[in-house]
Structure formats: structure tokens, C-alpha cells
């Protein structure tokens, strides 16, 4: 698989993770914590998929197979990092909503 294809996979799975995390926060806002939890789990699975493609890139670079960084690859990494951040924040926000609902 070439760098472009890997980049598109990272964008795809990162975007899926971000969408799941955003949905999880909406569920938590409506006090549907079961659905929120399921969506966070789904987000983390999607992050795992993106991470595997990122690992392939890193290993390829270590072997000297990747010689040039493209704007597409930078964009893919940006998507992935944002998805990770949003998923982590979503977990915290869900916890806050859960605690508020308990009061």
C-alpha cells in the first residue's frame, strides 16, 4: 500500500472516530449513558484502525521506504490527532454529564 492509500485510511478511520465521539457526547447530554459508552468504544476501535495504518507508515519510514512527506499525509496526521483528542475529551465530558445526572 502506498503512502497516499495509507493516508486516506488514516483520514477515514480518524473521521469515523471523531464522529463517534461527537455522537457519544450528544447521547450523554440526553443522559443516555449506555449509548454514549457504546459510541466511545466504537470511537476507540476506529482510532485503533487508524493507529495501525500510522504504525505501518512509521515502520516504512524506518526501513527507508518513505522518502517524502506530502500535504495529504500531514492532513491525515492532523485528522488522527484531532480524533484522539476529541475522543479523550468526550470521555471526560460524558463522565461530567454522568456525575451531574446522579445529583
Protein backbone atom coordinates (compact mmCIF):
# COMPACT_ATOMS: atom_id res chain seq x y z
CA UNK A 1 0.00 0.00 0.00
CA UNK A 2 1.43 3.39 -0.90
CA UNK A 3 1.58 6.50 1.28
CA UNK A 4 -1.50 8.06 -0.34
CA UNK A 5 -3.65 4.99 0.33
CA UNK A 6 -2.44 4.78 3.92
CA UNK A 7 -3.14 8.50 4.37
CA UNK A 8 -6.71 8.05 3.15
CA UNK A 9 -7.24 5.16 5.57
CA UNK A 10 -5.98 7.28 8.47
CA UNK A 11 -8.34 10.10 7.42
CA UNK A 12 -11.26 7.67 7.12
CA UNK A 13 -10.80 5.97 10.47
CA UNK A 14 -9.87 9.20 12.25
CA UNK A 15 -13.01 10.83 10.89
CA UNK A 16 -15.12 7.87 11.96
CA UNK A 17 -13.66 8.06 15.46
CA UNK A 18 -14.32 11.79 15.70
CA UNK A 19 -17.93 11.32 14.57
CA UNK A 20 -18.49 8.54 17.11
CA UNK A 21 -17.02 10.66 19.91
CA UNK A 22 -19.25 13.60 18.99
CA UNK A 23 -22.29 11.29 18.96
CA UNK A 24 -21.27 9.93 22.35
CA UNK A 25 -21.31 13.43 23.81
CA UNK A 26 -24.77 14.07 22.37
CA UNK A 27 -26.03 10.83 23.96
CA UNK A 28 -24.52 11.85 27.30
CA UNK A 29 -26.17 15.26 27.06
CA UNK A 30 -29.50 13.39 26.81
CA UNK A 31 -28.49 11.15 29.77
CA UNK A 32 -28.27 8.06 27.52
CA UNK A 33 -25.05 6.79 29.07
CA UNK A 34 -25.31 3.28 27.66
CA UNK A 35 -25.33 4.61 24.09
CA UNK A 36 -22.62 7.13 24.98
CA UNK A 37 -20.41 4.35 26.29
CA UNK A 38 -21.00 2.24 23.18
CA UNK A 39 -20.09 5.15 20.91
CA UNK A 40 -16.87 5.85 22.83
CA UNK A 41 -15.93 2.17 22.48
CA UNK A 42 -16.64 2.42 18.75
CA UNK A 43 -14.53 5.59 18.53
CA UNK A 44 -11.61 3.82 20.21
CA UNK A 45 -11.89 0.88 17.79
CA UNK A 46 -11.74 3.30 14.86
CA UNK A 47 -8.72 5.01 16.43
CA UNK A 48 -7.08 1.61 16.70
CA UNK A 49 -7.56 1.04 12.98
CA UNK A 50 -6.07 4.44 12.15
CA UNK A 51 -3.19 3.76 14.52
CA UNK A 52 -2.33 0.52 12.73
CA UNK A 53 -2.01 2.41 9.44
CA UNK A 54 0.08 5.07 11.15
CA UNK A 55 2.34 2.34 12.53
CA UNK A 56 2.76 0.96 9.00
CA UNK A 57 3.92 4.40 7.89
CA UNK A 58 6.38 4.72 10.74
CA UNK A 59 7.80 1.26 10.04
CA UNK A 60 8.04 2.07 6.34
CA UNK A 61 9.93 5.25 7.08
CA UNK A 62 12.29 3.38 9.42
CA UNK A 63 13.03 0.96 6.57
CA UNK A 64 13.72 3.84 4.20
CA UNK A 65 10.62 3.14 2.10
CA UNK A 66 9.07 6.58 2.62
CA UNK A 67 11.22 9.39 1.37
CA UNK A 68 8.80 12.30 1.04
CA UNK A 69 6.11 13.74 3.30
CA UNK A 70 3.06 15.02 1.44
CA UNK A 71 0.42 17.55 2.42
CA UNK A 72 -2.06 14.65 2.34
CA UNK A 73 -0.05 12.77 4.94
CA UNK A 74 0.16 15.86 7.16
CA UNK A 75 -3.61 16.26 6.77
CA UNK A 76 -4.12 12.60 7.73
CA UNK A 77 -1.98 13.01 10.84
CA UNK A 78 -3.94 16.14 11.77
CA UNK A 79 -7.22 14.23 11.46
CA UNK A 80 -5.88 11.40 13.58
CA UNK A 81 -4.53 13.63 16.34
CA UNK A 82 -7.76 15.64 16.48
CA UNK A 83 -9.80 12.44 16.67
CA UNK A 84 -7.69 11.20 19.57
CA UNK A 85 -8.08 14.50 21.42
CA UNK A 86 -11.83 14.69 20.85
CA UNK A 87 -12.29 11.08 21.97
CA UNK A 88 -10.35 11.71 25.18
CA UNK A 89 -12.30 14.90 25.86
CA UNK A 90 -15.59 13.16 25.07
CA UNK A 91 -14.83 10.55 27.72
CA UNK A 92 -14.31 13.30 30.28
CA UNK A 93 -17.45 15.18 29.22
CA UNK A 94 -19.52 12.00 29.44
CA UNK A 95 -18.21 11.47 32.96
CA UNK A 96 -19.21 15.03 33.91
CA UNK A 97 -22.72 14.51 32.50
CA UNK A 98 -22.98 11.21 34.37
CA UNK A 99 -21.99 12.84 37.66
CA UNK A 100 -24.43 15.69 37.15
CA UNK A 101 -27.22 13.23 36.38
CA UNK A 102 -26.53 11.41 39.65
CA UNK A 103 -27.16 14.55 41.69
